[in-house]
């Protein structure tokens, strides 16, 4: 794919966002130099070794390396020498008070302040608080350098597709000409272009992600209501989604939302609202619902296979399928699966988990407290009082459920994603309990179902 003009671009930071942005911009025909401060990482990337699980990214990096349009260097100073545009893609983790930690962004700005080429644009691609462009402008003290906001809207697992086929491209700057220059980088993409001021661009990122979080929490409350009144959340959500004003995306119930974006962005948005003296009750409620959802599912599991003791799952073995925050990624940051495992451990459960992207001794696996990670899904089910599906990996649908039934101490599966085929489990003699739907029991019935609250009688 060619462009009207080949730009020289520097990308500072080769994490999830920076690596995807660099590889994709190179695929659009630009010359891209990606910088990182980790020499081992730079060496691996130069060999085409990708440290994250992301569809199509290894191929795109290899194509960029082979064409010479994509290179990796150690240190920001080597990347920006001839750059017309410098993307800042370093991490902005959440601090304990809910604000974003801007240490890395500020460090980059201080490092390259006097090295930035005359007339270049400094672009924040990292998720940053509203007002960052104005603050960086003051910090740089370079009237000849424009600070531009160009937020990313990438979903882990499909980031390459999302970058190259976006719903929209948002570029914001108080210097309109600078915003248009950055927008021109995306000229060959078939996507609406939103050019606005810097503060609006920064807020668009938060407004979009927080809306999605509210939508997910909403459907999880609807799922809880469906369980109580005997309705089916799948049918309810499908009908809702056919309304063009609502849409069907993000209307699937689950164990809660997580990952690297939504938890951080919702907290940061609340802090932004507080500083502006705005009481964002709706967003606060969405966060509270998210915590309640994993607690609710843990309590449901305790009722299904626990005891009546003070710690209802004391020494009860539970198998867990999936620990990443969603399928298609190896990211476990703020994973609802890990959060649910923590709730089950608090209730006394002994947890054995399997995830297709984790191995025994894996660094990430070692970070999950109170969970034993195994390399076989049937081993996770062995001797368990139930299996809890937490991540919607496609291969879980193809498990040998007859073999799973033999491995289980009790024939019970709690499917927090409504991902499995209930009939396949029923035929294997396993009781299936989803979220927001009626359970499907094995041929001999499901004696534990009686432990759940009965449906609430409705008027009429």
Protein backbone atom coordinates (compact mmCIF):
# COMPACT_ATOMS: atom_id res chain seq x y z
CA UNK A 1 0.00 0.00 0.00
CA UNK A 2 1.41 3.40 -0.92
CA UNK A 3 0.82 6.87 0.43
CA UNK A 4 0.71 10.33 -1.13
CA UNK A 5 3.74 11.30 0.94
CA UNK A 6 6.16 9.03 2.81
CA UNK A 7 6.67 10.48 6.29
CA UNK A 8 9.57 9.90 8.66
CA UNK A 9 8.07 8.72 11.94
CA UNK A 10 9.57 7.92 15.33
CA UNK A 11 7.71 5.74 17.83
CA UNK A 12 8.90 5.93 21.43
CA UNK A 13 7.99 2.76 23.30
CA UNK A 14 7.45 -0.72 21.84
CA UNK A 15 4.75 -2.02 24.11
CA UNK A 16 1.37 -3.17 22.91
CA UNK A 17 0.37 0.20 21.41
CA UNK A 18 3.76 1.32 20.15
CA UNK A 19 4.65 -1.93 18.42
CA UNK A 20 1.27 -2.16 16.70
CA UNK A 21 1.35 1.50 15.66
CA UNK A 22 4.90 1.27 14.34
CA UNK A 23 4.30 -1.88 12.32
CA UNK A 24 1.02 -0.60 10.90
CA UNK A 25 2.37 2.83 9.98
CA UNK A 26 5.25 1.12 8.17
CA UNK A 27 2.72 -1.03 6.31
CA UNK A 28 1.13 2.22 5.09
CA UNK A 29 4.42 3.14 3.45
CA UNK A 30 5.99 5.40 6.07
CA UNK A 31 9.57 5.12 7.34
CA UNK A 32 9.22 4.19 11.02
CA UNK A 33 11.92 3.97 13.66
CA UNK A 34 10.76 2.42 16.94
CA UNK A 35 12.77 3.12 20.08
CA UNK A 36 12.88 1.27 23.38
CA UNK A 37 15.15 1.45 26.42
CA UNK A 38 15.45 -2.35 26.83
CA UNK A 39 18.43 -3.59 24.78
CA UNK A 40 17.31 -7.24 24.87
CA UNK A 41 13.87 -6.29 23.60
CA UNK A 42 15.30 -4.17 20.79
CA UNK A 43 17.54 -7.05 19.75
CA UNK A 44 14.63 -9.52 19.72
CA UNK A 45 12.40 -7.16 17.76
CA UNK A 46 15.15 -6.58 15.23
CA UNK A 47 15.14 -10.34 14.68
CA UNK A 48 11.36 -10.24 14.23
CA UNK A 49 10.59 -11.88 17.58
CA UNK A 50 7.30 -10.51 18.95
CA UNK A 51 6.85 -10.56 22.75
CA UNK A 52 3.04 -10.42 22.74
CA UNK A 53 0.28 -12.60 21.34
CA UNK A 54 -1.41 -10.53 18.65
CA UNK A 55 -2.92 -11.77 15.40
CA UNK A 56 -1.06 -10.68 12.22
CA UNK A 57 1.48 -8.59 14.13
CA UNK A 58 4.48 -10.94 13.64
CA UNK A 59 3.88 -11.00 9.89
CA UNK A 60 3.52 -7.22 9.72
CA UNK A 61 6.74 -6.64 11.69
CA UNK A 62 8.62 -9.07 9.45
CA UNK A 63 7.32 -7.31 6.33
CA UNK A 64 8.41 -3.95 7.71
CA UNK A 65 11.87 -5.24 8.58
CA UNK A 66 12.29 -6.86 5.17
CA UNK A 67 11.22 -3.69 3.33
CA UNK A 68 13.50 -1.51 5.42
CA UNK A 69 10.60 0.75 6.38
CA UNK A 70 10.58 -0.49 10.00
CA UNK A 71 13.63 -0.45 12.26
CA UNK A 72 14.22 -0.75 16.00
CA UNK A 73 16.79 1.22 17.95
CA UNK A 74 17.96 1.60 21.51
CA UNK A 75 17.14 5.03 22.90
CA UNK A 76 14.77 7.78 21.81
CA UNK A 77 17.56 10.07 20.63
CA UNK A 78 18.46 7.67 17.81
CA UNK A 79 14.84 7.50 16.63
CA UNK A 80 13.93 11.17 16.37
CA UNK A 81 16.87 12.62 14.43
CA UNK A 82 15.03 12.91 11.11
CA UNK A 83 11.46 12.53 12.36
CA UNK A 84 8.64 14.71 11.15
CA UNK A 85 6.29 13.09 13.63
CA UNK A 86 7.16 11.56 17.02
CA UNK A 87 4.64 9.22 18.65
CA UNK A 88 4.83 8.77 22.42
CA UNK A 89 3.63 5.24 23.20
CA UNK A 90 5.04 4.57 26.67
CA UNK A 91 3.03 3.13 29.53
CA UNK A 92 0.63 5.16 31.67
CA UNK A 93 -0.33 2.74 34.45
CA UNK A 94 -2.99 3.53 37.00
CA UNK A 95 -1.77 4.92 40.30
CA UNK A 96 -3.43 3.92 43.60
CA UNK A 97 -5.60 7.06 43.66
CA UNK A 98 -7.07 6.33 40.20
CA UNK A 99 -4.96 8.88 38.32
CA UNK A 100 -2.65 7.82 35.51
CA UNK A 101 1.05 7.66 36.28
CA UNK A 102 2.62 10.03 33.76
CA UNK A 103 6.20 9.43 34.87
CA UNK A 104 7.24 7.71 31.63
CA UNK A 105 5.58 10.30 29.38
CA UNK A 106 7.21 13.16 31.26
CA UNK A 107 10.58 11.40 31.17
CA UNK A 108 10.36 11.05 27.38
CA UNK A 109 9.38 14.71 26.99
CA UNK A 110 12.33 15.81 29.13
CA UNK A 111 14.74 13.49 27.30
CA UNK A 112 13.88 14.64 23.79
CA UNK A 113 12.93 18.28 24.45
CA UNK A 114 16.10 19.73 22.96
CA UNK A 115 16.50 16.98 20.36
CA UNK A 116 13.18 17.31 18.56
CA UNK A 117 13.63 18.50 14.96
CA UNK A 118 12.34 21.98 14.20
CA UNK A 119 8.68 21.96 13.20
CA UNK A 120 7.94 18.34 14.10
CA UNK A 121 4.77 17.14 15.82
CA UNK A 122 4.88 15.32 19.16
CA UNK A 123 1.90 12.96 19.25
CA UNK A 124 0.49 11.30 22.35
CA UNK A 125 -0.72 7.82 21.38
CA UNK A 126 -0.66 6.55 24.94
CA UNK A 127 -3.86 7.01 26.92
CA UNK A 128 -3.32 10.25 28.83
CA UNK A 129 -5.42 12.52 31.07
CA UNK A 130 -7.42 15.35 29.55
CA UNK A 131 -5.18 18.41 29.44
CA UNK A 132 -1.97 16.48 28.72
CA UNK A 133 -1.31 18.20 25.37
CA UNK A 134 -1.49 21.61 26.98
CA UNK A 135 0.73 20.47 29.87
CA UNK A 136 3.33 18.94 27.55
CA UNK A 137 3.35 22.10 25.45
CA UNK A 138 4.32 24.06 28.55
CA UNK A 139 6.81 21.42 29.64
CA UNK A 140 8.59 21.35 26.28
CA UNK A 141 8.82 25.11 25.94
CA UNK A 142 9.25 24.65 22.18
CA UNK A 143 6.88 26.96 20.23
CA UNK A 144 8.11 25.31 17.02
CA UNK A 145 6.90 21.85 18.16
CA UNK A 146 3.16 21.11 18.18
CA UNK A 147 1.71 18.59 20.63
CA UNK A 148 -1.05 16.50 19.06
CA UNK A 149 -3.45 13.98 20.58
CA UNK A 150 -4.11 10.86 18.46
CA UNK A 151 -5.75 8.32 20.78
CA UNK A 152 -5.74 4.63 19.92
CA UNK A 153 -8.89 2.50 19.83
CA UNK A 154 -7.28 -0.92 19.61
CA UNK A 155 -8.73 -4.15 20.94
CA UNK A 156 -6.21 -6.67 22.14
CA UNK A 157 -6.19 -9.68 19.87
CA UNK A 158 -7.38 -7.66 16.86
CA UNK A 159 -5.20 -4.55 17.15
CA UNK A 160 -3.71 -4.79 13.65
CA UNK A 161 -7.16 -5.06 12.08
CA UNK A 162 -8.45 -2.23 14.25
CA UNK A 163 -5.55 0.05 13.29
CA UNK A 164 -5.86 -0.60 9.56
CA UNK A 165 -9.69 -0.70 9.47
CA UNK A 166 -10.72 1.83 12.14
CA UNK A 167 -14.24 3.05 12.83
CA UNK A 168 -12.71 6.53 12.92
CA UNK A 169 -9.37 8.27 13.31
CA UNK A 170 -9.29 11.01 15.94
CA UNK A 171 -6.64 13.74 15.81
CA UNK A 172 -6.70 16.75 18.10
CA UNK A 173 -4.46 19.80 18.42
CA UNK A 174 -4.82 23.46 19.15
CA UNK A 175 -2.74 24.02 16.01
CA UNK A 176 -5.06 22.99 13.17
CA UNK A 177 -2.23 22.69 10.64
CA UNK A 178 -0.36 20.26 12.91
CA UNK A 179 -3.49 18.16 13.38
CA UNK A 180 -3.98 17.97 9.61
CA UNK A 181 -0.36 16.88 9.12
CA UNK A 182 -0.83 14.01 11.55
CA UNK A 183 -4.18 13.11 9.99
CA UNK A 184 -2.41 12.85 6.63
CA UNK A 185 -0.50 9.83 7.94
CA UNK A 186 -3.75 7.90 7.68
CA UNK A 187 -4.78 9.24 4.27
CA UNK A 188 -4.96 5.81 2.63
CA UNK A 189 -7.28 4.34 5.25
CA UNK A 190 -10.98 4.19 4.43
CA UNK A 191 -12.21 5.73 7.68
CA UNK A 192 -13.90 8.91 8.89
CA UNK A 193 -11.43 11.52 10.11
CA UNK A 194 -12.28 13.53 13.23
CA UNK A 195 -10.05 16.59 13.58
CA UNK A 196 -10.66 18.54 16.74
CA UNK A 197 -8.92 20.38 19.57
CA UNK A 198 -6.53 18.52 21.85
CA UNK A 199 -8.73 18.36 24.95
CA UNK A 200 -11.69 17.00 22.97
CA UNK A 201 -9.52 14.30 21.38
CA UNK A 202 -8.22 13.25 24.78
CA UNK A 203 -11.74 13.11 26.20
CA UNK A 204 -13.11 11.14 23.22
CA UNK A 205 -10.92 8.18 24.19
CA UNK A 206 -12.29 8.11 27.73
CA UNK A 207 -15.87 8.82 26.73
CA UNK A 208 -15.89 5.87 24.32
CA UNK A 209 -14.32 3.32 26.67
CA UNK A 210 -16.40 4.40 29.64
CA UNK A 211 -19.58 4.07 27.60
CA UNK A 212 -18.59 0.50 26.73
CA UNK A 213 -17.97 -0.25 30.40
CA UNK A 214 -21.41 1.10 31.30
CA UNK A 215 -22.96 -1.02 28.55
CA UNK A 216 -21.25 -4.18 29.82
CA UNK A 217 -22.29 -3.52 33.40
CA UNK A 218 -25.84 -2.85 32.23
CA UNK A 219 -26.15 -6.21 30.49
CA UNK A 220 -24.67 -7.98 33.51
CA UNK A 221 -27.41 -6.51 35.70
CA UNK A 222 -29.97 -7.57 33.09
CA UNK A 223 -28.47 -11.08 33.26
CA UNK A 224 -28.92 -11.15 37.03
CA UNK A 225 -32.51 -10.00 36.62
CA UNK A 226 -33.11 -12.69 33.98
CA UNK A 227 -31.97 -15.38 36.39
CA UNK A 228 -34.42 -14.14 39.01
CA UNK A 229 -37.47 -13.85 36.73
CA UNK A 230 -36.83 -16.87 34.51
CA UNK A 231 -35.94 -14.93 31.35
CA UNK A 232 -33.12 -15.58 28.86
CA UNK A 233 -30.50 -12.82 28.63
CA UNK A 234 -29.36 -14.06 25.22
CA UNK A 235 -32.77 -13.47 23.71
CA UNK A 236 -33.21 -10.19 25.55
CA UNK A 237 -29.82 -8.87 24.41
CA UNK A 238 -30.32 -10.05 20.83
CA UNK A 239 -33.61 -8.19 20.59
CA UNK A 240 -32.08 -5.08 22.17
CA UNK A 241 -29.16 -5.16 19.75
CA UNK A 242 -31.44 -5.08 16.72
CA UNK A 243 -32.39 -1.54 17.71
CA UNK A 244 -29.96 0.59 15.69
CA UNK A 245 -29.86 3.11 18.53
CA UNK A 246 -28.39 0.44 20.83
CA UNK A 247 -26.45 -2.04 18.66
CA UNK A 248 -25.46 -5.56 19.55
CA UNK A 249 -21.80 -5.03 20.52
CA UNK A 250 -20.89 -5.30 24.20
CA UNK A 251 -24.23 -6.85 25.12
CA UNK A 252 -22.88 -10.26 26.12
CA UNK A 253 -22.93 -11.01 29.84
CA UNK A 254 -19.84 -12.36 31.53
CA UNK A 255 -17.79 -12.43 34.72
CA UNK A 256 -17.17 -8.69 34.49
CA UNK A 257 -14.97 -6.45 32.35
CA UNK A 258 -11.24 -6.04 32.67
CA UNK A 259 -8.04 -5.83 30.66
CA UNK A 260 -5.53 -3.05 30.23
CA UNK A 261 -8.01 -0.32 29.21
CA UNK A 262 -11.49 -0.30 30.74
CA UNK A 263 -10.57 -0.50 34.46
CA UNK A 264 -7.86 2.14 34.06
CA UNK A 265 -9.91 4.44 31.85
CA UNK A 266 -13.02 4.37 34.03
CA UNK A 267 -11.01 5.27 37.12
CA UNK A 268 -9.16 8.02 35.28
CA UNK A 269 -12.44 9.41 33.93
CA UNK A 270 -13.83 9.55 37.47
CA UNK A 271 -10.76 11.50 38.57
CA UNK A 272 -11.17 13.89 35.65
CA UNK A 273 -14.82 14.41 36.58
CA UNK A 274 -13.96 14.98 40.24
CA UNK A 275 -11.39 17.62 39.36
CA UNK A 276 -14.01 19.34 37.19
CA UNK A 277 -16.55 19.13 40.06
CA UNK A 278 -18.80 16.76 38.09
CA UNK A 279 -20.50 13.92 39.96
CA UNK A 280 -20.34 11.03 37.46
CA UNK A 281 -22.70 8.74 39.38
CA UNK A 282 -23.48 6.57 36.35
CA UNK A 283 -19.84 5.62 35.79
CA UNK A 284 -19.26 5.01 39.49
CA UNK A 285 -22.23 2.65 39.51
CA UNK A 286 -20.86 0.76 36.49
CA UNK A 287 -17.61 0.14 38.37
CA UNK A 288 -19.52 -1.04 41.45
CA UNK A 289 -21.63 -3.37 39.31
CA UNK A 290 -18.46 -4.84 37.85
CA UNK A 291 -17.14 -5.73 41.29
CA UNK A 292 -20.56 -7.10 42.27
CA UNK A 293 -20.65 -9.33 39.18
CA UNK A 294 -17.63 -11.39 40.13
CA UNK A 295 -18.81 -11.56 43.74
CA UNK A 296 -22.24 -12.69 42.56
CA UNK A 297 -20.82 -15.45 40.37
CA UNK A 298 -18.52 -16.62 43.17
CA UNK A 299 -21.51 -16.81 45.53
CA UNK A 300 -23.44 -18.73 42.90
CA UNK A 301 -20.64 -21.27 42.59
CA UNK A 302 -20.52 -21.57 46.39
CA UNK A 303 -24.25 -22.30 46.50
CA UNK A 304 -23.92 -24.91 43.76
CA UNK A 305 -21.01 -26.91 45.10
CA UNK A 306 -20.10 -25.56 48.54
CA UNK A 307 -21.07 -26.24 52.11
CA UNK A 308 -22.98 -24.29 54.73
CA UNK A 309 -19.84 -23.46 56.73
CA UNK A 310 -18.44 -20.00 57.33
CA UNK A 311 -16.06 -20.64 54.42
CA UNK A 312 -18.45 -22.44 52.04
CA UNK A 313 -15.76 -23.61 49.61
CA UNK A 314 -13.23 -24.70 52.23
CA UNK A 315 -10.95 -27.30 50.58
CA UNK A 316 -13.41 -27.64 47.66
CA UNK A 317 -11.43 -28.22 44.47
CA UNK A 318 -12.55 -26.11 41.51
CA UNK A 319 -11.20 -26.26 37.97
CA UNK A 320 -10.85 -22.99 36.08
CA UNK A 321 -10.76 -22.74 32.29
CA UNK A 322 -9.09 -19.52 31.17
CA UNK A 323 -7.19 -16.82 33.07
CA UNK A 324 -6.52 -14.15 30.42
CA UNK A 325 -8.98 -11.27 30.42
CA UNK A 326 -10.38 -12.42 27.07
CA UNK A 327 -9.62 -14.90 24.31
CA UNK A 328 -7.01 -14.08 21.67
CA UNK A 329 -4.54 -12.42 24.03
CA UNK A 330 -2.03 -13.47 26.68
CA UNK A 331 -2.79 -10.37 28.76
CA UNK A 332 -3.93 -11.00 32.33
CA UNK A 333 -3.99 -7.38 33.49
CA UNK A 334 -7.15 -6.76 35.52
CA UNK A 335 -8.53 -10.04 34.20
CA UNK A 336 -12.06 -10.80 35.46
CA UNK A 337 -11.02 -14.47 35.47
CA UNK A 338 -8.23 -13.72 37.94
CA UNK A 339 -10.57 -11.53 40.00
CA UNK A 340 -13.17 -14.31 40.14
CA UNK A 341 -10.47 -16.80 41.11
CA UNK A 342 -9.54 -14.45 43.94
CA UNK A 343 -13.15 -14.40 45.17
CA UNK A 344 -13.32 -18.21 45.07
CA UNK A 345 -10.03 -18.47 46.96
CA UNK A 346 -11.43 -16.08 49.57
CA UNK A 347 -14.30 -18.52 50.03
CA UNK A 348 -11.76 -21.31 50.67
CA UNK A 349 -11.58 -23.03 47.27
CA UNK A 350 -8.56 -24.93 46.00
CA UNK A 351 -8.14 -23.71 42.41
CA UNK A 352 -6.52 -25.53 39.50
CA UNK A 353 -6.50 -23.61 36.21
CA UNK A 354 -5.73 -24.18 32.56
CA UNK A 355 -5.27 -21.53 29.89
CA UNK A 356 -4.03 -22.35 26.37
CA UNK A 357 -1.47 -19.52 26.38
CA UNK A 358 -0.03 -20.23 29.84
CA UNK A 359 2.35 -23.00 30.82
CA UNK A 360 3.47 -24.34 34.17
CA UNK A 361 6.20 -22.05 35.46
CA UNK A 362 5.16 -19.23 33.12
CA UNK A 363 5.99 -15.83 34.58
CA UNK A 364 2.40 -14.65 34.26
CA UNK A 365 1.05 -17.89 35.73
CA UNK A 366 3.26 -17.39 38.76
CA UNK A 367 1.66 -13.98 39.29
CA UNK A 368 -1.80 -15.47 39.95
CA UNK A 369 -2.13 -16.05 43.69
CA UNK A 370 -3.85 -19.11 45.12
CA UNK A 371 -4.08 -20.85 41.73
CA UNK A 372 -2.21 -23.91 40.50
CA UNK A 373 -1.69 -23.72 36.73
CA UNK A 374 -1.61 -26.97 34.75
CA UNK A 375 -0.89 -27.75 31.10
CA UNK A 376 -4.00 -29.86 30.45
CA UNK A 377 -7.69 -28.89 30.73
CA UNK A 378 -8.61 -32.39 31.87
CA UNK A 379 -6.06 -32.11 34.67
CA UNK A 380 -7.80 -28.91 35.79
CA UNK A 381 -11.08 -30.85 35.99
CA UNK A 382 -9.63 -33.89 37.77
CA UNK A 383 -11.39 -34.40 41.10
CA UNK A 384 -13.07 -30.99 40.93
CA UNK A 385 -16.49 -30.23 42.38
CA UNK A 386 -17.10 -28.09 39.32
CA UNK A 387 -15.38 -26.47 36.36
CA UNK A 388 -15.74 -22.72 35.87
CA UNK A 389 -15.21 -21.36 32.37
CA UNK A 390 -13.89 -17.82 32.65
CA UNK A 391 -12.33 -17.03 29.25
CA UNK A 392 -14.05 -17.71 25.92
CA UNK A 393 -11.22 -19.57 24.16
CA UNK A 394 -12.71 -21.31 21.08
CA UNK A 395 -10.95 -24.60 21.86
CA UNK A 396 -12.95 -24.99 25.05
CA UNK A 397 -16.02 -25.68 22.93
CA UNK A 398 -14.24 -28.67 21.39
CA UNK A 399 -13.19 -30.39 24.62
CA UNK A 400 -14.15 -34.03 25.08
CA UNK A 401 -16.94 -33.50 27.58
CA UNK A 402 -17.38 -37.21 28.19
CA UNK A 403 -13.76 -37.27 29.32
CA UNK A 404 -14.34 -34.13 31.38
CA UNK A 405 -17.31 -35.81 33.06
CA UNK A 406 -15.12 -38.73 34.07
CA UNK A 407 -12.46 -36.39 35.44
CA UNK A 408 -14.90 -34.32 37.50
CA UNK A 409 -15.83 -35.32 41.02
CA UNK A 410 -19.26 -33.84 40.37
CA UNK A 411 -20.73 -33.28 36.88
CA UNK A 412 -21.10 -29.50 37.01
CA UNK A 413 -19.88 -26.64 34.79
CA UNK A 414 -20.45 -22.94 35.46
CA UNK A 415 -20.04 -21.12 32.17
CA UNK A 416 -19.52 -17.44 32.97
CA UNK A 417 -19.39 -16.53 29.26
CA UNK A 418 -22.33 -18.63 27.98
CA UNK A 419 -19.70 -19.96 25.59
CA UNK A 420 -20.27 -23.71 25.62
CA UNK A 421 -22.97 -25.82 23.98
CA UNK A 422 -25.29 -26.77 26.85
CA UNK A 423 -26.69 -29.74 24.94
CA UNK A 424 -23.23 -31.22 24.41
CA UNK A 425 -22.66 -31.06 28.16
CA UNK A 426 -26.10 -32.48 28.93
CA UNK A 427 -25.42 -35.43 26.65
CA UNK A 428 -22.20 -36.04 28.59
CA UNK A 429 -24.19 -36.02 31.83
CA UNK A 430 -22.92 -32.62 32.97
CA UNK A 431 -25.15 -29.90 34.40
CA UNK A 432 -24.52 -26.56 32.69
CA UNK A 433 -25.10 -23.25 34.47
CA UNK A 434 -24.66 -20.08 32.47
CA UNK A 435 -25.20 -16.40 33.22
CA UNK A 436 -28.67 -14.92 32.84
CA UNK A 437 -30.18 -18.16 31.51
CA UNK A 438 -31.86 -21.24 32.89
CA UNK A 439 -29.54 -24.14 33.69
CA UNK A 440 -29.43 -27.22 31.46
CA UNK A 441 -29.22 -30.37 33.56
CA UNK A 442 -27.85 -33.81 32.85
CA UNK A 443 -30.09 -36.79 32.12
CA UNK A 444 -30.32 -37.64 35.80
CA UNK A 445 -31.30 -34.13 36.75
CA UNK A 446 -29.29 -31.63 38.70
CA UNK A 447 -29.76 -31.90 42.46
CA UNK A 448 -27.67 -28.80 43.16
CA UNK A 449 -29.96 -26.51 41.17
CA UNK A 450 -32.29 -26.36 44.15
CA UNK A 451 -29.64 -24.41 46.04
CA UNK A 452 -30.08 -21.43 43.73
CA UNK A 453 -32.73 -18.78 44.42
CA UNK A 454 -36.03 -19.62 42.79
CA UNK A 455 -37.36 -17.39 40.05
CA UNK A 456 -39.37 -14.52 41.41
CA UNK A 457 -43.11 -14.88 40.57
CA UNK A 458 -44.29 -12.10 38.27
CA UNK A 459 -47.62 -10.26 38.46
CA UNK A 460 -50.49 -11.67 36.45
